[in-house]
Amino acid sequence: MTLEELQKREEEEFNMGPLPVLTQSVKNNTQVLISCRNKKLLGRVKASDRHRNMVLEKVKDVWTKVPTNGRSKKSKPVNEDHYISKMVLCGDSVIVVLRNPLMHRQQERTCPLRWE
């Protein structure tokens, strides 16, 4: 396989499947929701590769914690979060990458599709 064919194939891979979500996020500086093994990340992708390794900025790290009261009695789960300004995320911990659902809903409300 020549170098040109390899580059063309790699470009096609980035335009098909799940990778366009990442490439569009990098180009448009939009937020994505990333589901990892034990938490969810909401942030902006600055760079990514085909292995789903990512450089993220302005990340909100969210997880669920079940507190215990005294004699190992479980209470209601509590969502906890914290802010990370910049981070590198290893692609093998990524399960799902979605466009920010809240931003997507706002765009649908402001720019509804009209079929005429």
PDB file of N, CA and C in Angstrom:
ATOM      1  N   MET A   1       0.850  -1.170   0.000  1.00  0.00           N
ATOM      2  CA  MET A   1       0.000   0.000   0.000  1.00  0.00           C
ATOM      3  C   MET A   1       0.899   1.237   0.000  1.00  0.00           C
ATOM      4  N   THR A   2       0.636   2.164  -0.898  1.00  0.00           N
ATOM      5  CA  THR A   2       1.461   3.369  -0.992  1.00  0.00           C
ATOM      6  C   THR A   2       1.091   4.359   0.108  1.00  0.00           C
ATOM      7  N   LEU A   3       1.916   5.341   0.290  1.00  0.00           N
ATOM      8  CA  LEU A   3       1.690   6.351   1.317  1.00  0.00           C
ATOM      9  C   LEU A   3       0.419   7.148   1.027  1.00  0.00           C
ATOM     10  N   GLU A   4       0.176   7.464  -0.235  1.00  0.00           N
ATOM     11  CA  GLU A   4      -1.036   8.205  -0.608  1.00  0.00           C
ATOM     12  C   GLU A   4      -2.290   7.397  -0.318  1.00  0.00           C
ATOM     13  N   GLU A   5      -2.262   6.110  -0.642  1.00  0.00           N
ATOM     14  CA  GLU A   5      -3.414   5.247  -0.366  1.00  0.00           C
ATOM     15  C   GLU A   5      -3.662   5.114   1.134  1.00  0.00           C
ATOM     16  N   LEU A   6      -2.584   5.035   1.899  1.00  0.00           N
ATOM     17  CA  LEU A   6      -2.706   4.939   3.347  1.00  0.00           C
ATOM     18  C   LEU A   6      -3.305   6.216   3.937  1.00  0.00           C
ATOM     19  N   GLN A   7      -2.873   7.372   3.453  1.00  0.00           N
ATOM     20  CA  GLN A   7      -3.419   8.643   3.928  1.00  0.00           C
ATOM     21  C   GLN A   7      -4.888   8.782   3.552  1.00  0.00           C
ATOM     22  N   LYS A   8      -5.234   8.372   2.344  1.00  0.00           N
ATOM     23  CA  LYS A   8      -6.623   8.444   1.908  1.00  0.00           C
ATOM     24  C   LYS A   8      -7.512   7.527   2.755  1.00  0.00           C
ATOM     25  N   ARG A   9      -7.019   6.338   3.045  1.00  0.00           N
ATOM     26  CA  ARG A   9      -7.787   5.398   3.868  1.00  0.00           C
ATOM     27  C   ARG A   9      -7.973   5.936   5.287  1.00  0.00           C
ATOM     28  N   GLU A  10      -6.930   6.522   5.858  1.00  0.00           N
ATOM     29  CA  GLU A  10      -7.036   7.087   7.200  1.00  0.00           C
ATOM     30  C   GLU A  10      -8.020   8.248   7.230  1.00  0.00           C
ATOM     31  N   GLU A  11      -8.018   9.081   6.183  1.00  0.00           N
ATOM     32  CA  GLU A  11      -8.969  10.195   6.113  1.00  0.00           C
ATOM     33  C   GLU A  11     -10.397   9.681   6.026  1.00  0.00           C
ATOM     34  N   GLU A  12     -10.637   8.610   5.269  1.00  0.00           N
ATOM     35  CA  GLU A  12     -11.969   8.019   5.172  1.00  0.00           C
ATOM     36  C   GLU A  12     -12.424   7.470   6.522  1.00  0.00           C
ATOM     37  N   GLU A  13     -11.490   6.872   7.277  1.00  0.00           N
ATOM     38  CA  GLU A  13     -11.830   6.348   8.603  1.00  0.00           C
ATOM     39  C   GLU A  13     -12.253   7.474   9.543  1.00  0.00           C
ATOM     40  N   PHE A  14     -11.612   8.635   9.441  1.00  0.00           N
ATOM     41  CA  PHE A  14     -11.969   9.756  10.296  1.00  0.00           C
ATOM     42  C   PHE A  14     -13.296  10.384   9.894  1.00  0.00           C
ATOM     43  N   ASN A  15     -13.761  10.151   8.679  1.00  0.00           N
ATOM     44  CA  ASN A  15     -15.029  10.719   8.222  1.00  0.00           C
ATOM     45  C   ASN A  15     -16.192   9.746   8.340  1.00  0.00           C
ATOM     46  N   MET A  16     -15.931   8.506   8.763  1.00  0.00           N
ATOM     47  CA  MET A  16     -16.980   7.505   8.892  1.00  0.00           C
ATOM     48  C   MET A  16     -16.947   6.935  10.309  1.00  0.00           C
ATOM     49  N   GLY A  17     -18.047   6.361  10.746  1.00  0.00           N
ATOM     50  CA  GLY A  17     -18.094   5.731  12.052  1.00  0.00           C
ATOM     51  C   GLY A  17     -18.149   6.746  13.183  1.00  0.00           C
ATOM     52  N   PRO A  18     -17.593   6.410  14.344  1.00  0.00           N
ATOM     53  CA  PRO A  18     -17.676   7.298  15.507  1.00  0.00           C
ATOM     54  C   PRO A  18     -16.675   8.447  15.487  1.00  0.00           C
ATOM     55  N   LEU A  19     -15.668   8.383  14.663  1.00  0.00           N
ATOM     56  CA  LEU A  19     -14.637   9.418  14.696  1.00  0.00           C
ATOM     57  C   LEU A  19     -15.084  10.802  14.246  1.00  0.00           C
ATOM     58  N   PRO A  20     -16.093  10.967  13.396  1.00  0.00           N
ATOM     59  CA  PRO A  20     -16.523  12.324  13.052  1.00  0.00           C
ATOM     60  C   PRO A  20     -16.993  13.143  14.247  1.00  0.00           C
ATOM     61  N   VAL A  21     -17.530  12.498  15.279  1.00  0.00           N
ATOM     62  CA  VAL A  21     -17.933  13.242  16.480  1.00  0.00           C
ATOM     63  C   VAL A  21     -16.713  13.921  17.081  1.00  0.00           C
ATOM     64  N   LEU A  22     -15.602  13.199  17.137  1.00  0.00           N
ATOM     65  CA  LEU A  22     -14.375  13.773  17.695  1.00  0.00           C
ATOM     66  C   LEU A  22     -13.790  14.845  16.783  1.00  0.00           C
ATOM     67  N   THR A  23     -13.726  14.577  15.486  1.00  0.00           N
ATOM     68  CA  THR A  23     -13.135  15.556  14.578  1.00  0.00           C
ATOM     69  C   THR A  23     -13.974  16.830  14.505  1.00  0.00           C
ATOM     70  N   GLN A  24     -15.297  16.699  14.525  1.00  0.00           N
ATOM     71  CA  GLN A  24     -16.155  17.889  14.521  1.00  0.00           C
ATOM     72  C   GLN A  24     -16.022  18.664  15.826  1.00  0.00           C
ATOM     73  N   SER A  25     -15.846  17.946  16.916  1.00  0.00           N
ATOM     74  CA  SER A  25     -15.656  18.618  18.198  1.00  0.00           C
ATOM     75  C   SER A  25     -14.355  19.415  18.210  1.00  0.00           C
ATOM     76  N   VAL A  26     -13.314  18.862  17.608  1.00  0.00           N
ATOM     77  CA  VAL A  26     -12.031  19.578  17.536  1.00  0.00           C
ATOM     78  C   VAL A  26     -12.176  20.815  16.645  1.00  0.00           C
ATOM     79  N   LYS A  27     -12.807  20.661  15.498  1.00  0.00           N
ATOM     80  CA  LYS A  27     -12.958  21.772  14.554  1.00  0.00           C
ATOM     81  C   LYS A  27     -13.841  22.886  15.098  1.00  0.00           C
ATOM     82  N   ASN A  28     -14.974  22.520  15.732  1.00  0.00           N
ATOM     83  CA  ASN A  28     -15.962  23.510  16.170  1.00  0.00           C
ATOM     84  C   ASN A  28     -15.837  23.896  17.637  1.00  0.00           C
ATOM     85  N   ASN A  29     -14.914  23.272  18.359  1.00  0.00           N
ATOM     86  CA  ASN A  29     -14.709  23.527  19.782  1.00  0.00           C
ATOM     87  C   ASN A  29     -16.003  23.303  20.584  1.00  0.00           C
ATOM     88  N   THR A  30     -16.725  22.238  20.264  1.00  0.00           N
ATOM     89  CA  THR A  30     -17.969  21.912  20.956  1.00  0.00           C
ATOM     90  C   THR A  30     -17.707  20.874  22.051  1.00  0.00           C
ATOM     91  N   GLN A  31     -18.631  20.784  22.991  1.00  0.00           N
ATOM     92  CA  GLN A  31     -18.500  19.833  24.086  1.00  0.00           C
ATOM     93  C   GLN A  31     -18.938  18.443  23.659  1.00  0.00           C
ATOM     94  N   VAL A  32     -18.305  17.452  24.280  1.00  0.00           N
ATOM     95  CA  VAL A  32     -18.722  16.067  24.104  1.00  0.00           C
ATOM     96  C   VAL A  32     -18.891  15.430  25.477  1.00  0.00           C
ATOM     97  N   LEU A  33     -19.742  14.431  25.537  1.00  0.00           N
ATOM     98  CA  LEU A  33     -19.935  13.640  26.737  1.00  0.00           C
ATOM     99  C   LEU A  33     -19.247  12.309  26.503  1.00  0.00           C
ATOM    100  N   ILE A  34     -18.277  11.974  27.364  1.00  0.00           N
ATOM    101  CA  ILE A  34     -17.499  10.756  27.213  1.00  0.00           C
ATOM    102  C   ILE A  34     -17.815   9.844  28.391  1.00  0.00           C
ATOM    103  N   SER A  35     -18.309   8.658  28.090  1.00  0.00           N
ATOM    104  CA  SER A  35     -18.579   7.677  29.130  1.00  0.00           C
ATOM    105  C   SER A  35     -17.366   6.771  29.241  1.00  0.00           C
ATOM    106  N   CYS A  36     -16.777   6.739  30.429  1.00  0.00           N
ATOM    107  CA  CYS A  36     -15.620   5.883  30.700  1.00  0.00           C
ATOM    108  C   CYS A  36     -16.069   4.728  31.576  1.00  0.00           C
ATOM    109  N   ARG A  37     -15.124   3.936  32.012  1.00  0.00           N
ATOM    110  CA  ARG A  37     -15.463   2.738  32.794  1.00  0.00           C
ATOM    111  C   ARG A  37     -16.218   3.055  34.075  1.00  0.00           C
ATOM    112  N   ASN A  38     -15.800   4.065  34.821  1.00  0.00           N
ATOM    113  CA  ASN A  38     -16.435   4.319  36.111  1.00  0.00           C
ATOM    114  C   ASN A  38     -16.894   5.759  36.296  1.00  0.00           C
ATOM    115  N   LYS A  39     -16.873   6.568  35.234  1.00  0.00           N
ATOM    116  CA  LYS A  39     -17.307   7.957  35.354  1.00  0.00           C
ATOM    117  C   LYS A  39     -17.654   8.516  33.984  1.00  0.00           C
ATOM    118  N   LYS A  40     -18.148   9.733  34.001  1.00  0.00           N
ATOM    119  CA  LYS A  40     -18.470  10.437  32.761  1.00  0.00           C
ATOM    120  C   LYS A  40     -17.717  11.755  32.740  1.00  0.00           C
ATOM    121  N   LEU A  41     -17.274  12.151  31.549  1.00  0.00           N
ATOM    122  CA  LEU A  41     -16.529  13.390  31.369  1.00  0.00           C
ATOM    123  C   LEU A  41     -17.275  14.266  30.376  1.00  0.00           C
ATOM    124  N   LEU A  42     -17.427  15.535  30.717  1.00  0.00           N
ATOM    125  CA  LEU A  42     -18.034  16.506  29.826  1.00  0.00           C
ATOM    126  C   LEU A  42     -16.984  17.573  29.572  1.00  0.00           C
ATOM    127  N   GLY A  43     -16.528  17.683  28.324  1.00  0.00           N
ATOM    128  CA  GLY A  43     -15.469  18.645  28.037  1.00  0.00           C
ATOM    129  C   GLY A  43     -15.292  18.887  26.554  1.00  0.00           C
ATOM    130  N   ARG A  44     -14.271  19.658  26.233  1.00  0.00           N
ATOM    131  CA  ARG A  44     -13.961  20.013  24.847  1.00  0.00           C
ATOM    132  C   ARG A  44     -12.723  19.253  24.396  1.00  0.00           C
ATOM    133  N   VAL A  45     -12.803  18.630  23.217  1.00  0.00           N
ATOM    134  CA  VAL A  45     -11.697  17.857  22.676  1.00  0.00           C
ATOM    135  C   VAL A  45     -10.779  18.788  21.893  1.00  0.00           C
ATOM    136  N   LYS A  46      -9.512  18.800  22.259  1.00  0.00           N
ATOM    137  CA  LYS A  46      -8.536  19.615  21.538  1.00  0.00           C
ATOM    138  C   LYS A  46      -7.787  18.801  20.502  1.00  0.00           C
ATOM    139  N   ALA A  47      -7.608  17.508  20.750  1.00  0.00           N
ATOM    140  CA  ALA A  47      -6.936  16.623  19.796  1.00  0.00           C
ATOM    141  C   ALA A  47      -7.343  15.186  20.096  1.00  0.00           C
ATOM    142  N   SER A  48      -7.321  14.337  19.069  1.00  0.00           N
ATOM    143  CA  SER A  48      -7.621  12.917  19.245  1.00  0.00           C
ATOM    144  C   SER A  48      -6.922  12.131  18.145  1.00  0.00           C
ATOM    145  N   ASP A  49      -6.842  10.832  18.347  1.00  0.00           N
ATOM    146  CA  ASP A  49      -6.291   9.967  17.305  1.00  0.00           C
ATOM    147  C   ASP A  49      -7.225   8.785  17.085  1.00  0.00           C
ATOM    148  N   ARG A  50      -6.837   7.883  16.205  1.00  0.00           N
ATOM    149  CA  ARG A  50      -7.723   6.778  15.858  1.00  0.00           C
ATOM    150  C   ARG A  50      -7.913   5.769  16.984  1.00  0.00           C
ATOM    151  N   HIS A  51      -7.074   5.834  18.022  1.00  0.00           N
ATOM    152  CA  HIS A  51      -7.200   4.938  19.170  1.00  0.00           C
ATOM    153  C   HIS A  51      -8.087   5.524  20.261  1.00  0.00           C
ATOM    154  N   ARG A  52      -8.704   6.667  19.996  1.00  0.00           N
ATOM    155  CA  ARG A  52      -9.568   7.419  20.915  1.00  0.00           C
ATOM    156  C   ARG A  52      -8.794   8.056  22.062  1.00  0.00           C
ATOM    157  N   ASN A  53      -7.468   8.142  21.961  1.00  0.00           N
ATOM    158  CA  ASN A  53      -6.711   8.943  22.923  1.00  0.00           C
ATOM    159  C   ASN A  53      -7.091  10.389  22.673  1.00  0.00           C
ATOM    160  N   MET A  54      -7.275  11.178  23.745  1.00  0.00           N
ATOM    161  CA  MET A  54      -7.751  12.543  23.577  1.00  0.00           C
ATOM    162  C   MET A  54      -7.050  13.504  24.518  1.00  0.00           C
ATOM    163  N   VAL A  55      -6.903  14.730  24.044  1.00  0.00           N
ATOM    164  CA  VAL A  55      -6.504  15.845  24.885  1.00  0.00           C
ATOM    165  C   VAL A  55      -7.771  16.647  25.114  1.00  0.00           C
ATOM    166  N   LEU A  56      -8.146  16.826  26.384  1.00  0.00           N
ATOM    167  CA  LEU A  56      -9.391  17.496  26.730  1.00  0.00           C
ATOM    168  C   LEU A  56      -9.114  18.757  27.525  1.00  0.00           C
ATOM    169  N   GLU A  57      -9.992  19.748  27.354  1.00  0.00           N
ATOM    170  CA  GLU A  57      -9.937  20.992  28.118  1.00  0.00           C
ATOM    171  C   GLU A  57     -11.298  21.277  28.722  1.00  0.00           C
ATOM    172  N   LYS A  58     -11.288  22.033  29.829  1.00  0.00           N
ATOM    173  CA  LYS A  58     -12.516  22.448  30.511  1.00  0.00           C
ATOM    174  C   LYS A  58     -13.426  21.247  30.773  1.00  0.00           C
ATOM    175  N   VAL A  59     -12.888  20.281  31.500  1.00  0.00           N
ATOM    176  CA  VAL A  59     -13.558  19.006  31.721  1.00  0.00           C
ATOM    177  C   VAL A  59     -14.278  19.001  33.069  1.00  0.00           C
ATOM    178  N   LYS A  60     -15.511  18.524  33.053  1.00  0.00           N
ATOM    179  CA  LYS A  60     -16.260  18.281  34.289  1.00  0.00           C
ATOM    180  C   LYS A  60     -16.326  16.764  34.455  1.00  0.00           C
ATOM    181  N   ASP A  61     -15.692  16.269  35.501  1.00  0.00           N
ATOM    182  CA  ASP A  61     -15.616  14.851  35.805  1.00  0.00           C
ATOM    183  C   ASP A  61     -16.743  14.511  36.775  1.00  0.00           C
ATOM    184  N   VAL A  62     -17.650  13.614  36.381  1.00  0.00           N
ATOM    185  CA  VAL A  62     -18.837  13.302  37.178  1.00  0.00           C
ATOM    186  C   VAL A  62     -18.861  11.805  37.486  1.00  0.00           C
ATOM    187  N   TRP A  63     -19.144  11.461  38.742  1.00  0.00           N
ATOM    188  CA  TRP A  63     -19.305  10.074  39.144  1.00  0.00           C
ATOM    189  C   TRP A  63     -20.356   9.979  40.236  1.00  0.00           C
ATOM    190  N   THR A  64     -20.828   8.761  40.496  1.00  0.00           N
ATOM    191  CA  THR A  64     -21.849   8.522  41.510  1.00  0.00           C
ATOM    192  C   THR A  64     -21.219   7.816  42.697  1.00  0.00           C
ATOM    193  N   LYS A  65     -21.539   8.312  43.884  1.00  0.00           N
ATOM    194  CA  LYS A  65     -21.004   7.743  45.117  1.00  0.00           C
ATOM    195  C   LYS A  65     -22.174   7.345  46.004  1.00  0.00           C
ATOM    196  N   VAL A  66     -22.085   6.160  46.616  1.00  0.00           N
ATOM    197  CA  VAL A  66     -23.122   5.697  47.531  1.00  0.00           C
ATOM    198  C   VAL A  66     -22.552   5.812  48.944  1.00  0.00           C
ATOM    199  N   PRO A  67     -22.975   6.828  49.702  1.00  0.00           N
ATOM    200  CA  PRO A  67     -22.464   6.981  51.057  1.00  0.00           C
ATOM    201  C   PRO A  67     -23.064   5.932  52.005  1.00  0.00           C
ATOM    202  N   THR A  68     -22.312   5.594  53.039  1.00  0.00           N
ATOM    203  CA  THR A  68     -22.807   4.658  54.043  1.00  0.00           C
ATOM    204  C   THR A  68     -23.025   5.409  55.348  1.00  0.00           C
ATOM    205  N   ASN A  69     -24.071   5.043  56.054  1.00  0.00           N
ATOM    206  CA  ASN A  69     -24.406   5.683  57.332  1.00  0.00           C
ATOM    207  C   ASN A  69     -24.172   4.698  58.472  1.00  0.00           C
ATOM    208  N   GLY A  70     -23.119   4.909  59.215  1.00  0.00           N
ATOM    209  CA  GLY A  70     -22.867   4.118  60.409  1.00  0.00           C
ATOM    210  C   GLY A  70     -22.668   2.643  60.153  1.00  0.00           C
ATOM    211  N   ARG A  71     -23.629   1.834  60.539  1.00  0.00           N
ATOM    212  CA  ARG A  71     -23.503   0.375  60.498  1.00  0.00           C
ATOM    213  C   ARG A  71     -23.779  -0.194  59.112  1.00  0.00           C
ATOM    214  N   SER A  72     -23.022   0.265  58.154  1.00  0.00           N
ATOM    215  CA  SER A  72     -23.080  -0.179  56.751  1.00  0.00           C
ATOM    216  C   SER A  72     -24.483  -0.095  56.143  1.00  0.00           C
ATOM    217  N   LYS A  73     -25.255   0.900  56.574  1.00  0.00           N
ATOM    218  CA  LYS A  73     -26.547   1.149  55.937  1.00  0.00           C
ATOM    219  C   LYS A  73     -26.312   2.079  54.762  1.00  0.00           C
ATOM    220  N   LYS A  74     -26.774   1.658  53.620  1.00  0.00           N
ATOM    221  CA  LYS A  74     -26.589   2.472  52.422  1.00  0.00           C
ATOM    222  C   LYS A  74     -27.688   3.516  52.318  1.00  0.00           C
ATOM    223  N   SER A  75     -27.296   4.714  51.894  1.00  0.00           N
ATOM    224  CA  SER A  75     -28.287   5.756  51.652  1.00  0.00           C
ATOM    225  C   SER A  75     -28.372   5.993  50.145  1.00  0.00           C
ATOM    226  N   LYS A  76     -29.060   7.031  49.749  1.00  0.00           N
ATOM    227  CA  LYS A  76     -29.269   7.309  48.331  1.00  0.00           C
ATOM    228  C   LYS A  76     -27.950   7.686  47.650  1.00  0.00           C
ATOM    229  N   PRO A  77     -27.768   7.285  46.391  1.00  0.00           N
ATOM    230  CA  PRO A  77     -26.556   7.659  45.662  1.00  0.00           C
ATOM    231  C   PRO A  77     -26.484   9.176  45.458  1.00  0.00           C
ATOM    232  N   VAL A  78     -25.273   9.687  45.488  1.00  0.00           N
ATOM    233  CA  VAL A  78     -25.040  11.118  45.334  1.00  0.00           C
ATOM    234  C   VAL A  78     -24.088  11.332  44.154  1.00  0.00           C
ATOM    235  N   ASN A  79     -24.450  12.251  43.276  1.00  0.00           N
ATOM    236  CA  ASN A  79     -23.558  12.600  42.179  1.00  0.00           C
ATOM    237  C   ASN A  79     -22.513  13.589  42.673  1.00  0.00           C
ATOM    238  N   GLU A  80     -21.257  13.315  42.357  1.00  0.00           N
ATOM    239  CA  GLU A  80     -20.168  14.206  42.714  1.00  0.00           C
ATOM    240  C   GLU A  80     -19.420  14.565  41.443  1.00  0.00           C
ATOM    241  N   ASP A  81     -18.791  15.736  41.457  1.00  0.00           N
ATOM    242  CA  ASP A  81     -18.037  16.158  40.285  1.00  0.00           C
ATOM    243  C   ASP A  81     -16.891  17.069  40.688  1.00  0.00           C
ATOM    244  N   HIS A  82     -15.961  17.248  39.771  1.00  0.00           N
ATOM    245  CA  HIS A  82     -14.938  18.265  39.933  1.00  0.00           C
ATOM    246  C   HIS A  82     -14.442  18.698  38.564  1.00  0.00           C
ATOM    247  N   TYR A  83     -13.781  19.839  38.532  1.00  0.00           N
ATOM    248  CA  TYR A  83     -13.348  20.484  37.301  1.00  0.00           C
ATOM    249  C   TYR A  83     -11.875  20.177  37.053  1.00  0.00           C
ATOM    250  N   ILE A  84     -11.543  19.862  35.799  1.00  0.00           N
ATOM    251  CA  ILE A  84     -10.163  19.625  35.381  1.00  0.00           C
ATOM    252  C   ILE A  84      -9.903  20.546  34.197  1.00  0.00           C
ATOM    253  N   SER A  85      -8.881  21.397  34.290  1.00  0.00           N
ATOM    254  CA  SER A  85      -8.636  22.366  33.219  1.00  0.00           C
ATOM    255  C   SER A  85      -8.100  21.699  31.953  1.00  0.00           C
ATOM    256  N   LYS A  86      -7.137  20.779  32.084  1.00  0.00           N
ATOM    257  CA  LYS A  86      -6.591  20.062  30.924  1.00  0.00           C
ATOM    258  C   LYS A  86      -6.242  18.648  31.333  1.00  0.00           C
ATOM    259  N   MET A  87      -6.472  17.699  30.424  1.00  0.00           N
ATOM    260  CA  MET A  87      -6.136  16.310  30.727  1.00  0.00           C
ATOM    261  C   MET A  87      -5.918  15.511  29.450  1.00  0.00           C
ATOM    262  N   VAL A  88      -5.200  14.410  29.581  1.00  0.00           N
ATOM    263  CA  VAL A  88      -5.022  13.448  28.498  1.00  0.00           C
ATOM    264  C   VAL A  88      -5.791  12.203  28.896  1.00  0.00           C
ATOM    265  N   LEU A  89      -6.656  11.733  28.009  1.00  0.00           N
ATOM    266  CA  LEU A  89      -7.487  10.567  28.276  1.00  0.00           C
ATOM    267  C   LEU A  89      -7.019   9.424  27.389  1.00  0.00           C
ATOM    268  N   CYS A  90      -6.717   8.294  28.013  1.00  0.00           N
ATOM    269  CA  CYS A  90      -6.286   7.108  27.276  1.00  0.00           C
ATOM    270  C   CYS A  90      -7.506   6.470  26.602  1.00  0.00           C
ATOM    271  N   GLY A  91      -7.377   6.143  25.352  1.00  0.00           N
ATOM    272  CA  GLY A  91      -8.511   5.668  24.571  1.00  0.00           C
ATOM    273  C   GLY A  91      -9.082   4.342  25.001  1.00  0.00           C
ATOM    274  N   ASP A  92      -8.305   3.484  25.660  1.00  0.00           N
ATOM    275  CA  ASP A  92      -8.849   2.176  26.024  1.00  0.00           C
ATOM    276  C   ASP A  92      -9.825   2.238  27.193  1.00  0.00           C
ATOM    277  N   SER A  93      -9.939   3.386  27.860  1.00  0.00           N
ATOM    278  CA  SER A  93     -10.946   3.533  28.920  1.00  0.00           C
ATOM    279  C   SER A  93     -12.241   4.154  28.404  1.00  0.00           C
ATOM    280  N   VAL A  94     -12.268   4.564  27.137  1.00  0.00           N
ATOM    281  CA  VAL A  94     -13.444   5.216  26.549  1.00  0.00           C
ATOM    282  C   VAL A  94     -14.441   4.158  26.085  1.00  0.00           C
ATOM    283  N   ILE A  95     -15.703   4.330  26.491  1.00  0.00           N
ATOM    284  CA  ILE A  95     -16.763   3.419  26.066  1.00  0.00           C
ATOM    285  C   ILE A  95     -17.618   4.074  24.988  1.00  0.00           C
ATOM    286  N   VAL A  96     -18.120   5.289  25.261  1.00  0.00           N
ATOM    287  CA  VAL A  96     -19.002   5.987  24.331  1.00  0.00           C
ATOM    288  C   VAL A  96     -18.616   7.462  24.284  1.00  0.00           C
ATOM    289  N   VAL A  97     -18.673   8.041  23.091  1.00  0.00           N
ATOM    290  CA  VAL A  97     -18.470   9.486  22.920  1.00  0.00           C
ATOM    291  C   VAL A  97     -19.700  10.037  22.219  1.00  0.00           C
ATOM    292  N   LEU A  98     -20.339  11.041  22.856  1.00  0.00           N
ATOM    293  CA  LEU A  98     -21.541  11.659  22.302  1.00  0.00           C
ATOM    294  C   LEU A  98     -21.373  13.166  22.259  1.00  0.00           C
ATOM    295  N   ARG A  99     -22.038  13.797  21.294  1.00  0.00           N
ATOM    296  CA  ARG A  99     -22.121  15.256  21.353  1.00  0.00           C
ATOM    297  C   ARG A  99     -22.876  15.624  22.616  1.00  0.00           C
ATOM    298  N   ASN A 100     -22.593  16.791  23.165  1.00  0.00           N
ATOM    299  CA  ASN A 100     -23.270  17.213  24.390  1.00  0.00           C
ATOM    300  C   ASN A 100     -24.777  17.214  24.143  1.00  0.00           C
ATOM    301  N   PRO A 101     -25.531  16.360  24.837  1.00  0.00           N
ATOM    302  CA  PRO A 101     -26.968  16.267  24.582  1.00  0.00           C
ATOM    303  C   PRO A 101     -27.707  17.569  24.854  1.00  0.00           C
ATOM    304  N   LEU A 102     -27.292  18.325  25.856  1.00  0.00           N
ATOM    305  CA  LEU A 102     -27.972  19.582  26.167  1.00  0.00           C
ATOM    306  C   LEU A 102     -27.758  20.608  25.057  1.00  0.00           C
ATOM    307  N   MET A 103     -26.551  20.713  24.549  1.00  0.00           N
ATOM    308  CA  MET A 103     -26.276  21.651  23.463  1.00  0.00           C
ATOM    309  C   MET A 103     -27.020  21.244  22.201  1.00  0.00           C
ATOM    310  N   HIS A 104     -27.108  19.942  21.962  1.00  0.00           N
ATOM    311  CA  HIS A 104     -27.798  19.446  20.780  1.00  0.00           C
ATOM    312  C   HIS A 104     -29.283  19.800  20.841  1.00  0.00           C
ATOM    313  N   ARG A 105     -29.902  19.697  22.018  1.00  0.00           N
ATOM    314  CA  ARG A 105     -31.317  20.051  22.171  1.00  0.00           C
ATOM    315  C   ARG A 105     -31.541  21.538  21.964  1.00  0.00           C
ATOM    316  N   GLN A 106     -30.626  22.372  22.452  1.00  0.00           N
ATOM    317  CA  GLN A 106     -30.762  23.815  22.275  1.00  0.00           C
ATOM    318  C   GLN A 106     -30.685  24.187  20.807  1.00  0.00           C
ATOM    319  N   GLN A 107     -29.788  23.535  20.060  1.00  0.00           N
ATOM    320  CA  GLN A 107     -29.673  23.824  18.631  1.00  0.00           C
ATOM    321  C   GLN A 107     -30.942  23.423  17.899  1.00  0.00           C
ATOM    322  N   GLU A 108     -31.554  22.298  18.297  1.00  0.00           N
ATOM    323  CA  GLU A 108     -32.787  21.865  17.655  1.00  0.00           C
ATOM    324  C   GLU A 108     -33.909  22.865  17.907  1.00  0.00           C
ATOM    325  N   ARG A 109     -33.944  23.461  19.107  1.00  0.00           N
ATOM    326  CA  ARG A 109     -34.996  24.428  19.426  1.00  0.00           C
ATOM    327  C   ARG A 109     -34.808  25.728  18.666  1.00  0.00           C
ATOM    328  N   THR A 110     -33.566  26.171  18.514  1.00  0.00           N
ATOM    329  CA  THR A 110     -33.333  27.441  17.841  1.00  0.00           C
ATOM    330  C   THR A 110     -33.361  27.309  16.324  1.00  0.00           C
ATOM    331  N   CYS A 111     -33.025  26.143  15.807  1.00  0.00           N
ATOM    332  CA  CYS A 111     -32.993  25.929  14.353  1.00  0.00           C
ATOM    333  C   CYS A 111     -33.793  24.684  13.991  1.00  0.00           C
ATOM    334  N   PRO A 112     -35.105  24.725  14.123  1.00  0.00           N
ATOM    335  CA  PRO A 112     -35.886  23.521  13.803  1.00  0.00           C
ATOM    336  C   PRO A 112     -35.891  23.259  12.301  1.00  0.00           C
ATOM    337  N   LEU A 113     -35.932  21.993  11.962  1.00  0.00           N
ATOM    338  CA  LEU A 113     -36.020  21.620  10.553  1.00  0.00           C
ATOM    339  C   LEU A 113     -37.468  21.773  10.107  1.00  0.00           C
ATOM    340  N   ARG A 114     -37.646  22.336   8.952  1.00  0.00           N
ATOM    341  CA  ARG A 114     -38.994  22.502   8.413  1.00  0.00           C
ATOM    342  C   ARG A 114     -39.091  21.765   7.103  1.00  0.00           C
ATOM    343  N   TRP A 115     -40.023  20.881   7.034  1.00  0.00           N
ATOM    344  CA  TRP A 115     -40.252  20.129   5.797  1.00  0.00           C
ATOM    345  C   TRP A 115     -41.418  20.767   5.067  1.00  0.00           C
ATOM    346  N   GLU A 116     -41.136  21.274   3.917  1.00  0.00           N
ATOM    347  CA  GLU A 116     -42.182  21.943   3.133  1.00  0.00           C
ATOM    348  C   GLU A 116     -42.310  21.329   1.777  1.00  0.00           C
TER     349      GLU A 116
END
